[in-house]
Amino acid sequence: MKRTAVCLLLAACLALCQPGHTSAAGDMENFTKSYAYEEAFADVAEDAVYEAYRDSVVVANAKHILTTGRGVCDDYSSAFQVMTRRIGLKSYFAQGSSYDQQGGISPHQVCIVEIGGNIYFFDPQIEDYNAKGKPHPYERFCRTFASMSSRYFGYDVAASKAAFGGFVRK
């Protein structure tokens, strides 16, 4: 996935979340949001070391997908977390399980974002895969876990929040 596609996914996601919800990004002008995206890419371009191990992994995964244009669920969700954090949203990398294409159960990583005191689920990797070059259906963006319970399970929101170290550099 190209850098522009990641930005477009994020912008579309934020637009979907705006009606009826307040968020830290809600008052940002387009220029400010664009600047925040660019700053997020600058963050991952540096080879920084972070106090929390999970933060180091998230930034490395984000760097991988943004520089190669290829990635798996970890990379997509990491890039999404880095960008949403940069624009002021409380977001977390979350590990759990989902059904795979063969109907089996596989580990899967997503991003969860706190908006207006509610937790929402974002799966940028599956959303990108399902689009296959067409407009994104946004079936797995800004959804509650309850609405996705038939597809995703085993995600521990409290543990995801606890693992986040705030991207504090050593």
N, C-alpha and C. Protein backbone atom coordinates (compact mmCIF):
# COMPACT_ATOMS: atom_id res chain seq x y z
N MET A 1 0.86 -1.17 0.00
CA MET A 1 0.00 0.00 0.00
C MET A 1 0.90 1.23 0.00
N LYS A 2 0.58 2.20 -0.79
CA LYS A 2 1.39 3.41 -0.88
C LYS A 2 1.03 4.39 0.22
N ARG A 3 1.97 5.27 0.52
CA ARG A 3 1.80 6.28 1.56
C ARG A 3 0.52 7.08 1.35
N THR A 4 0.23 7.46 0.12
CA THR A 4 -0.97 8.23 -0.18
C THR A 4 -2.22 7.44 0.20
N ALA A 5 -2.22 6.14 -0.08
CA ALA A 5 -3.37 5.31 0.26
C ALA A 5 -3.59 5.26 1.77
N VAL A 6 -2.50 5.18 2.53
CA VAL A 6 -2.62 5.17 3.99
C VAL A 6 -3.26 6.48 4.46
N CYS A 7 -2.81 7.60 3.92
CA CYS A 7 -3.37 8.91 4.29
C CYS A 7 -4.84 9.00 3.91
N LEU A 8 -5.19 8.50 2.73
CA LEU A 8 -6.58 8.55 2.30
C LEU A 8 -7.46 7.67 3.19
N LEU A 9 -6.95 6.51 3.57
CA LEU A 9 -7.71 5.64 4.48
C LEU A 9 -7.95 6.33 5.80
N LEU A 10 -6.91 6.96 6.33
CA LEU A 10 -7.04 7.63 7.60
C LEU A 10 -8.01 8.81 7.50
N ALA A 11 -7.90 9.60 6.45
CA ALA A 11 -8.79 10.75 6.28
C ALA A 11 -10.24 10.29 6.15
N ALA A 12 -10.46 9.23 5.39
CA ALA A 12 -11.82 8.71 5.24
C ALA A 12 -12.35 8.19 6.56
N CYS A 13 -11.48 7.52 7.30
CA CYS A 13 -11.87 6.99 8.60
C CYS A 13 -12.28 8.12 9.54
N LEU A 14 -11.51 9.16 9.57
CA LEU A 14 -11.82 10.29 10.44
C LEU A 14 -13.13 10.95 10.02
N ALA A 15 -13.36 11.01 8.72
CA ALA A 15 -14.62 11.58 8.23
C ALA A 15 -15.81 10.72 8.67
N LEU A 16 -15.63 9.40 8.64
CA LEU A 16 -16.70 8.50 9.08
C LEU A 16 -16.99 8.67 10.56
N CYS A 17 -15.98 8.95 11.33
CA CYS A 17 -16.14 9.03 12.78
C CYS A 17 -16.71 10.38 13.24
N GLN A 18 -16.67 11.38 12.42
CA GLN A 18 -17.05 12.71 12.86
C GLN A 18 -18.52 12.88 13.24
N PRO A 19 -19.49 12.39 12.47
CA PRO A 19 -20.88 12.67 12.83
C PRO A 19 -21.24 12.12 14.22
N GLY A 20 -21.69 12.99 15.07
CA GLY A 20 -22.13 12.57 16.40
C GLY A 20 -21.02 12.30 17.39
N HIS A 21 -19.78 12.42 16.98
CA HIS A 21 -18.66 12.14 17.88
C HIS A 21 -17.74 13.35 17.94
N THR A 22 -17.20 13.59 19.11
CA THR A 22 -16.18 14.61 19.22
C THR A 22 -14.86 13.90 19.34
N SER A 23 -13.84 14.46 18.78
CA SER A 23 -12.51 13.88 18.88
C SER A 23 -11.48 14.99 18.88
N ALA A 24 -10.28 14.63 19.27
CA ALA A 24 -9.21 15.61 19.29
C ALA A 24 -8.94 16.15 17.89
N ALA A 25 -9.20 15.35 16.88
CA ALA A 25 -8.96 15.76 15.50
C ALA A 25 -10.13 16.55 14.92
N GLY A 26 -11.26 16.58 15.60
CA GLY A 26 -12.45 17.22 15.07
C GLY A 26 -12.30 18.69 14.75
N ASP A 27 -11.46 19.40 15.48
CA ASP A 27 -11.29 20.83 15.26
C ASP A 27 -10.09 21.16 14.38
N MET A 28 -9.39 20.15 13.91
CA MET A 28 -8.19 20.40 13.11
C MET A 28 -8.58 20.78 11.68
N GLU A 29 -7.90 21.77 11.14
CA GLU A 29 -8.10 22.15 9.75
C GLU A 29 -7.34 21.16 8.87
N ASN A 30 -7.68 21.10 7.59
CA ASN A 30 -7.03 20.17 6.68
C ASN A 30 -5.52 20.35 6.63
N PHE A 31 -5.06 21.59 6.63
CA PHE A 31 -3.61 21.82 6.59
C PHE A 31 -2.95 21.23 7.83
N THR A 32 -3.56 21.45 8.99
CA THR A 32 -3.00 20.93 10.23
C THR A 32 -2.98 19.41 10.22
N LYS A 33 -4.04 18.79 9.70
CA LYS A 33 -4.06 17.33 9.60
C LYS A 33 -2.97 16.84 8.66
N SER A 34 -2.83 17.51 7.50
CA SER A 34 -1.80 17.11 6.55
C SER A 34 -0.42 17.22 7.16
N TYR A 35 -0.19 18.29 7.91
CA TYR A 35 1.09 18.47 8.57
C TYR A 35 1.32 17.36 9.59
N ALA A 36 0.29 16.98 10.32
CA ALA A 36 0.40 15.90 11.30
C ALA A 36 0.75 14.58 10.62
N TYR A 37 0.16 14.31 9.45
CA TYR A 37 0.50 13.09 8.71
C TYR A 37 1.99 13.09 8.36
N GLU A 38 2.44 14.21 7.83
CA GLU A 38 3.86 14.30 7.45
C GLU A 38 4.77 14.12 8.65
N GLU A 39 4.39 14.68 9.79
CA GLU A 39 5.18 14.51 11.01
C GLU A 39 5.20 13.04 11.44
N ALA A 40 4.09 12.35 11.26
CA ALA A 40 4.04 10.92 11.60
C ALA A 40 5.02 10.14 10.74
N PHE A 41 5.10 10.48 9.46
CA PHE A 41 6.05 9.79 8.59
C PHE A 41 7.48 10.12 8.97
N ALA A 42 7.73 11.34 9.40
CA ALA A 42 9.07 11.71 9.86
C ALA A 42 9.42 10.92 11.11
N ASP A 43 8.45 10.71 11.99
CA ASP A 43 8.69 9.93 13.21
C ASP A 43 9.19 8.53 12.89
N VAL A 44 8.53 7.87 11.95
CA VAL A 44 8.92 6.49 11.65
C VAL A 44 10.17 6.41 10.79
N ALA A 45 10.54 7.50 10.15
CA ALA A 45 11.74 7.49 9.32
C ALA A 45 13.02 7.46 10.16
N GLU A 46 12.93 7.93 11.39
CA GLU A 46 14.10 7.94 12.27
C GLU A 46 14.25 6.56 12.93
N ASP A 47 15.47 6.20 13.22
CA ASP A 47 15.73 4.94 13.91
C ASP A 47 15.83 5.20 15.41
N ALA A 48 14.73 5.58 16.01
CA ALA A 48 14.70 5.89 17.44
C ALA A 48 14.47 4.63 18.26
N VAL A 49 14.88 4.68 19.51
CA VAL A 49 14.63 3.59 20.45
C VAL A 49 13.66 4.12 21.50
N TYR A 50 12.64 3.32 21.81
CA TYR A 50 11.59 3.75 22.73
C TYR A 50 11.67 2.98 24.04
N GLU A 51 11.21 3.61 25.10
CA GLU A 51 11.24 2.99 26.42
C GLU A 51 10.40 1.71 26.46
N ALA A 52 9.23 1.73 25.87
CA ALA A 52 8.35 0.56 25.86
C ALA A 52 8.65 -0.29 24.62
N TYR A 53 8.87 -1.58 24.84
CA TYR A 53 9.19 -2.48 23.74
C TYR A 53 8.10 -2.44 22.67
N ARG A 54 6.83 -2.47 23.08
CA ARG A 54 5.72 -2.47 22.11
C ARG A 54 5.78 -1.24 21.22
N ASP A 55 6.14 -0.09 21.78
CA ASP A 55 6.24 1.13 20.97
C ASP A 55 7.31 0.98 19.89
N SER A 56 8.45 0.37 20.24
CA SER A 56 9.51 0.16 19.26
C SER A 56 9.04 -0.74 18.13
N VAL A 57 8.30 -1.79 18.46
CA VAL A 57 7.77 -2.71 17.46
C VAL A 57 6.76 -2.00 16.56
N VAL A 58 5.86 -1.23 17.15
CA VAL A 58 4.85 -0.51 16.38
C VAL A 58 5.50 0.45 15.39
N VAL A 59 6.49 1.20 15.83
CA VAL A 59 7.16 2.16 14.95
C VAL A 59 7.93 1.43 13.85
N ALA A 60 8.60 0.33 14.18
CA ALA A 60 9.33 -0.45 13.17
C ALA A 60 8.36 -1.02 12.12
N ASN A 61 7.22 -1.52 12.57
CA ASN A 61 6.21 -2.05 11.64
C ASN A 61 5.67 -0.95 10.73
N ALA A 62 5.40 0.21 11.32
CA ALA A 62 4.90 1.34 10.52
C ALA A 62 5.93 1.75 9.48
N LYS A 63 7.18 1.80 9.89
CA LYS A 63 8.25 2.17 8.96
C LYS A 63 8.31 1.16 7.81
N HIS A 64 8.15 -0.11 8.13
CA HIS A 64 8.22 -1.14 7.09
C HIS A 64 7.16 -0.92 6.00
N ILE A 65 5.91 -0.77 6.38
CA ILE A 65 4.86 -0.64 5.37
C ILE A 65 4.94 0.69 4.63
N LEU A 66 5.36 1.74 5.31
CA LEU A 66 5.41 3.05 4.66
C LEU A 66 6.61 3.19 3.73
N THR A 67 7.65 2.38 3.93
CA THR A 67 8.81 2.46 3.04
C THR A 67 8.78 1.41 1.94
N THR A 68 8.14 0.27 2.19
CA THR A 68 8.12 -0.80 1.18
C THR A 68 6.81 -0.86 0.40
N GLY A 69 5.74 -0.33 0.99
CA GLY A 69 4.43 -0.43 0.35
C GLY A 69 3.80 -1.80 0.52
N ARG A 70 4.42 -2.65 1.34
CA ARG A 70 3.91 -3.99 1.59
C ARG A 70 3.85 -4.25 3.09
N GLY A 71 2.87 -5.06 3.48
CA GLY A 71 2.80 -5.39 4.89
C GLY A 71 1.66 -6.33 5.20
N VAL A 72 1.64 -6.75 6.44
CA VAL A 72 0.59 -7.60 6.96
C VAL A 72 -0.17 -6.81 8.02
N CYS A 73 -1.08 -7.48 8.71
CA CYS A 73 -1.95 -6.78 9.66
C CYS A 73 -1.16 -5.98 10.70
N ASP A 74 -0.04 -6.51 11.19
CA ASP A 74 0.77 -5.78 12.16
C ASP A 74 1.23 -4.43 11.62
N ASP A 75 1.70 -4.46 10.37
CA ASP A 75 2.24 -3.25 9.75
C ASP A 75 1.15 -2.21 9.49
N TYR A 76 0.04 -2.64 8.93
CA TYR A 76 -1.08 -1.74 8.67
C TYR A 76 -1.57 -1.08 9.97
N SER A 77 -1.80 -1.92 10.98
CA SER A 77 -2.33 -1.40 12.25
C SER A 77 -1.32 -0.50 12.95
N SER A 78 -0.05 -0.82 12.82
CA SER A 78 0.99 0.02 13.42
C SER A 78 1.04 1.39 12.76
N ALA A 79 1.00 1.42 11.43
CA ALA A 79 1.02 2.70 10.72
C ALA A 79 -0.22 3.52 11.08
N PHE A 80 -1.35 2.85 11.19
CA PHE A 80 -2.58 3.53 11.55
C PHE A 80 -2.48 4.11 12.96
N GLN A 81 -1.90 3.36 13.89
CA GLN A 81 -1.73 3.87 15.25
C GLN A 81 -0.81 5.08 15.28
N VAL A 82 0.32 4.99 14.60
CA VAL A 82 1.26 6.12 14.59
C VAL A 82 0.58 7.37 14.06
N MET A 83 -0.18 7.25 12.98
CA MET A 83 -0.82 8.42 12.40
C MET A 83 -1.96 8.96 13.27
N THR A 84 -2.77 8.07 13.82
CA THR A 84 -3.88 8.56 14.64
C THR A 84 -3.36 9.18 15.94
N ARG A 85 -2.29 8.65 16.48
CA ARG A 85 -1.67 9.26 17.67
C ARG A 85 -1.15 10.65 17.34
N ARG A 86 -0.56 10.79 16.16
CA ARG A 86 0.04 12.07 15.77
C ARG A 86 -1.01 13.17 15.64
N ILE A 87 -2.23 12.81 15.26
CA ILE A 87 -3.27 13.83 15.12
C ILE A 87 -4.09 13.98 16.40
N GLY A 88 -3.66 13.32 17.47
CA GLY A 88 -4.26 13.56 18.77
C GLY A 88 -5.28 12.56 19.26
N LEU A 89 -5.47 11.46 18.54
CA LEU A 89 -6.43 10.45 18.99
C LEU A 89 -5.74 9.41 19.88
N LYS A 90 -6.47 8.88 20.83
CA LYS A 90 -5.95 7.81 21.67
C LYS A 90 -6.16 6.50 20.92
N SER A 91 -5.07 5.94 20.43
CA SER A 91 -5.17 4.70 19.66
C SER A 91 -4.17 3.69 20.18
N TYR A 92 -4.51 2.42 19.95
CA TYR A 92 -3.71 1.32 20.50
C TYR A 92 -3.65 0.17 19.51
N PHE A 93 -2.51 -0.47 19.45
CA PHE A 93 -2.30 -1.68 18.68
C PHE A 93 -2.91 -2.82 19.48
N ALA A 94 -3.77 -3.62 18.89
CA ALA A 94 -4.46 -4.67 19.63
C ALA A 94 -4.29 -6.03 18.96
N GLN A 95 -4.05 -7.05 19.78
CA GLN A 95 -3.86 -8.40 19.29
C GLN A 95 -5.04 -9.27 19.70
N GLY A 96 -5.50 -10.09 18.78
CA GLY A 96 -6.60 -11.00 19.04
C GLY A 96 -6.65 -12.04 17.94
N SER A 97 -7.85 -12.46 17.57
CA SER A 97 -8.01 -13.49 16.53
C SER A 97 -9.17 -13.13 15.62
N SER A 98 -9.13 -13.69 14.42
CA SER A 98 -10.24 -13.54 13.48
C SER A 98 -10.29 -14.80 12.62
N TYR A 99 -11.37 -14.92 11.88
CA TYR A 99 -11.48 -16.04 10.96
C TYR A 99 -10.67 -15.73 9.71
N ASP A 100 -9.91 -16.71 9.23
CA ASP A 100 -9.14 -16.51 8.02
C ASP A 100 -9.96 -16.91 6.79
N GLN A 101 -9.37 -16.81 5.62
CA GLN A 101 -10.10 -17.07 4.37
C GLN A 101 -10.56 -18.51 4.24
N GLN A 102 -9.89 -19.42 4.94
CA GLN A 102 -10.26 -20.82 4.87
C GLN A 102 -11.28 -21.19 5.95
N GLY A 103 -11.70 -20.23 6.77
CA GLY A 103 -12.66 -20.48 7.83
C GLY A 103 -12.03 -20.87 9.16
N GLY A 104 -10.72 -20.96 9.19
CA GLY A 104 -10.02 -21.26 10.44
C GLY A 104 -9.83 -20.01 11.27
N ILE A 105 -9.25 -20.17 12.43
CA ILE A 105 -8.99 -19.05 13.33
C ILE A 105 -7.51 -18.72 13.29
N SER A 106 -7.20 -17.44 13.10
CA SER A 106 -5.81 -17.00 13.02
C SER A 106 -5.58 -15.79 13.91
N PRO A 107 -4.36 -15.64 14.42
CA PRO A 107 -4.04 -14.40 15.15
C PRO A 107 -4.17 -13.22 14.19
N HIS A 108 -4.62 -12.09 14.71
CA HIS A 108 -4.79 -10.92 13.86
C HIS A 108 -4.64 -9.65 14.70
N GLN A 109 -3.98 -8.65 14.13
CA GLN A 109 -3.77 -7.39 14.81
C GLN A 109 -4.60 -6.30 14.15
N VAL A 110 -5.17 -5.45 14.99
CA VAL A 110 -5.97 -4.32 14.53
C VAL A 110 -5.56 -3.09 15.33
N CYS A 111 -6.21 -1.99 15.06
CA CYS A 111 -6.00 -0.77 15.83
C CYS A 111 -7.32 -0.41 16.49
N ILE A 112 -7.26 -0.07 17.76
CA ILE A 112 -8.45 0.42 18.44
C ILE A 112 -8.22 1.89 18.77
N VAL A 113 -9.27 2.67 18.63
CA VAL A 113 -9.18 4.12 18.81
C VAL A 113 -10.30 4.56 19.75
N GLU A 114 -9.92 5.39 20.72
CA GLU A 114 -10.91 5.93 21.64
C GLU A 114 -11.38 7.28 21.10
N ILE A 115 -12.68 7.36 20.83
CA ILE A 115 -13.28 8.59 20.29
C ILE A 115 -14.51 8.91 21.12
N GLY A 116 -14.54 10.08 21.70
CA GLY A 116 -15.69 10.49 22.50
C GLY A 116 -15.98 9.56 23.66
N GLY A 117 -14.95 8.95 24.23
CA GLY A 117 -15.11 8.03 25.36
C GLY A 117 -15.51 6.63 24.96
N ASN A 118 -15.68 6.37 23.66
CA ASN A 118 -16.03 5.04 23.18
C ASN A 118 -14.85 4.41 22.46
N ILE A 119 -14.78 3.08 22.48
CA ILE A 119 -13.71 2.36 21.80
C ILE A 119 -14.22 1.87 20.45
N TYR A 120 -13.46 2.19 19.41
CA TYR A 120 -13.80 1.77 18.06
C TYR A 120 -12.69 0.90 17.48
N PHE A 121 -13.08 0.06 16.59
CA PHE A 121 -12.26 -0.95 15.99
C PHE A 121 -11.92 -0.54 14.55
N PHE A 122 -10.66 -0.69 14.16
CA PHE A 122 -10.22 -0.37 12.81
C PHE A 122 -9.34 -1.50 12.30
N ASP A 123 -9.64 -2.02 11.13
CA ASP A 123 -8.82 -3.07 10.53
C ASP A 123 -8.39 -2.62 9.14
N PRO A 124 -7.34 -1.79 9.06
CA PRO A 124 -6.94 -1.25 7.76
C PRO A 124 -6.43 -2.30 6.79
N GLN A 125 -5.85 -3.39 7.28
CA GLN A 125 -5.30 -4.41 6.38
C GLN A 125 -6.42 -5.16 5.65
N ILE A 126 -7.40 -5.64 6.35
CA ILE A 126 -8.50 -6.36 5.70
C ILE A 126 -9.30 -5.42 4.82
N GLU A 127 -9.48 -4.19 5.28
CA GLU A 127 -10.21 -3.19 4.47
C GLU A 127 -9.49 -2.96 3.15
N ASP A 128 -8.17 -2.83 3.18
CA ASP A 128 -7.40 -2.62 1.97
C ASP A 128 -7.46 -3.86 1.07
N TYR A 129 -7.35 -5.03 1.67
CA TYR A 129 -7.41 -6.28 0.91
C TYR A 129 -8.78 -6.43 0.23
N ASN A 130 -9.85 -6.18 0.96
CA ASN A 130 -11.19 -6.34 0.41
C ASN A 130 -11.49 -5.36 -0.72
N ALA A 131 -10.86 -4.20 -0.68
CA ALA A 131 -11.11 -3.19 -1.72
C ALA A 131 -10.49 -3.61 -3.06
N LYS A 132 -9.34 -4.24 -3.03
CA LYS A 132 -8.66 -4.71 -4.25
C LYS A 132 -8.63 -3.64 -5.34
N GLY A 133 -8.21 -2.44 -4.96
CA GLY A 133 -8.08 -1.36 -5.93
C GLY A 133 -9.34 -0.58 -6.20
N LYS A 134 -10.46 -0.99 -5.62
CA LYS A 134 -11.73 -0.27 -5.79
C LYS A 134 -11.93 0.63 -4.57
N PRO A 135 -12.98 1.44 -4.58
CA PRO A 135 -13.25 2.26 -3.39
C PRO A 135 -13.45 1.36 -2.16
N HIS A 136 -12.92 1.81 -1.04
CA HIS A 136 -13.01 1.04 0.19
C HIS A 136 -14.44 1.00 0.72
N PRO A 137 -14.92 -0.19 1.12
CA PRO A 137 -16.28 -0.29 1.66
C PRO A 137 -16.40 0.18 3.12
N TYR A 138 -15.30 0.32 3.82
CA TYR A 138 -15.27 0.77 5.22
C TYR A 138 -16.17 -0.07 6.13
N GLU A 139 -16.18 -1.37 5.89
CA GLU A 139 -16.97 -2.26 6.74
C GLU A 139 -16.28 -2.55 8.07
N ARG A 140 -14.99 -2.33 8.13
CA ARG A 140 -14.22 -2.65 9.33
C ARG A 140 -13.49 -1.43 9.87
N PHE A 141 -14.08 -0.29 9.65
CA PHE A 141 -13.51 0.98 10.12
C PHE A 141 -14.52 1.67 11.03
N CYS A 142 -14.04 2.09 12.18
CA CYS A 142 -14.83 2.85 13.14
C CYS A 142 -16.09 2.08 13.54
N ARG A 143 -15.89 0.83 13.88
CA ARG A 143 -16.97 -0.04 14.33
C ARG A 143 -16.74 -0.41 15.79
N THR A 144 -17.80 -0.71 16.48
CA THR A 144 -17.65 -1.18 17.86
C THR A 144 -17.29 -2.66 17.82
N PHE A 145 -16.67 -3.14 18.90
CA PHE A 145 -16.35 -4.56 18.97
C PHE A 145 -17.62 -5.40 18.95
N ALA A 146 -18.68 -4.89 19.58
CA ALA A 146 -19.94 -5.63 19.60
C ALA A 146 -20.45 -5.87 18.18
N SER A 147 -20.29 -4.88 17.31
CA SER A 147 -20.78 -5.04 15.94
C SER A 147 -19.90 -5.97 15.11
N MET A 148 -18.71 -6.26 15.59
CA MET A 148 -17.77 -7.12 14.86
C MET A 148 -17.53 -8.46 15.56
N SER A 149 -18.31 -8.76 16.59
CA SER A 149 -18.05 -9.94 17.42
C SER A 149 -18.15 -11.26 16.66
N SER A 150 -18.85 -11.29 15.55
CA SER A 150 -18.93 -12.54 14.79
C SER A 150 -17.68 -12.78 13.95
N ARG A 151 -16.84 -11.76 13.81
CA ARG A 151 -15.63 -11.87 12.99
C ARG A 151 -14.34 -11.82 13.81
N TYR A 152 -14.36 -11.10 14.91
CA TYR A 152 -13.16 -10.85 15.70
C TYR A 152 -13.41 -11.21 17.16
N PHE A 153 -12.40 -11.74 17.82
CA PHE A 153 -12.57 -12.09 19.23
C PHE A 153 -11.21 -12.18 19.91
N GLY A 154 -11.24 -12.12 21.24
CA GLY A 154 -10.03 -12.26 22.03
C GLY A 154 -9.21 -10.98 22.17
N TYR A 155 -9.77 -9.84 21.82
CA TYR A 155 -9.04 -8.58 21.94
C TYR A 155 -9.24 -8.03 23.35
N ASP A 156 -8.16 -7.73 24.02
CA ASP A 156 -8.20 -7.22 25.38
C ASP A 156 -7.84 -5.73 25.35
N VAL A 157 -8.86 -4.90 25.41
CA VAL A 157 -8.66 -3.45 25.31
C VAL A 157 -7.77 -2.94 26.44
N ALA A 158 -8.01 -3.39 27.66
CA ALA A 158 -7.22 -2.94 28.82
C ALA A 158 -5.75 -3.31 28.65
N ALA A 159 -5.47 -4.52 28.18
CA ALA A 159 -4.08 -4.95 27.98
C ALA A 159 -3.43 -4.15 26.85
N SER A 160 -4.19 -3.85 25.81
CA SER A 160 -3.66 -3.05 24.70
C SER A 160 -3.27 -1.65 25.18
N LYS A 161 -4.12 -1.06 26.01
CA LYS A 161 -3.82 0.26 26.56
C LYS A 161 -2.61 0.21 27.47
N ALA A 162 -2.52 -0.83 28.29
CA ALA A 162 -1.41 -0.96 29.25
C ALA A 162 -0.06 -1.15 28.55
N ALA A 163 -0.06 -1.79 27.37
CA ALA A 163 1.19 -2.06 26.66
C ALA A 163 1.74 -0.82 25.97
N PHE A 164 0.90 0.18 25.77
CA PHE A 164 1.34 1.39 25.07
C PHE A 164 2.16 2.25 26.02
N GLY A 165 3.34 2.62 25.58
CA GLY A 165 4.24 3.39 26.42
C GLY A 165 4.28 4.87 26.12
N GLY A 166 3.44 5.35 25.21
CA GLY A 166 3.40 6.79 24.90
C GLY A 166 4.43 7.25 23.89
N PHE A 167 5.10 6.32 23.22
CA PHE A 167 6.16 6.64 22.25
C PHE A 167 7.23 7.53 22.89
N VAL A 168 7.59 7.23 24.11
CA VAL A 168 8.65 7.97 24.81
C VAL A 168 9.99 7.39 24.38
N ARG A 169 10.84 8.25 23.86
CA ARG A 169 12.15 7.79 23.38
C ARG A 169 13.14 7.68 24.53
N LYS A 170 14.06 6.74 24.38
CA LYS A 170 15.13 6.57 25.38
C LYS A 170 16.17 7.66 25.19
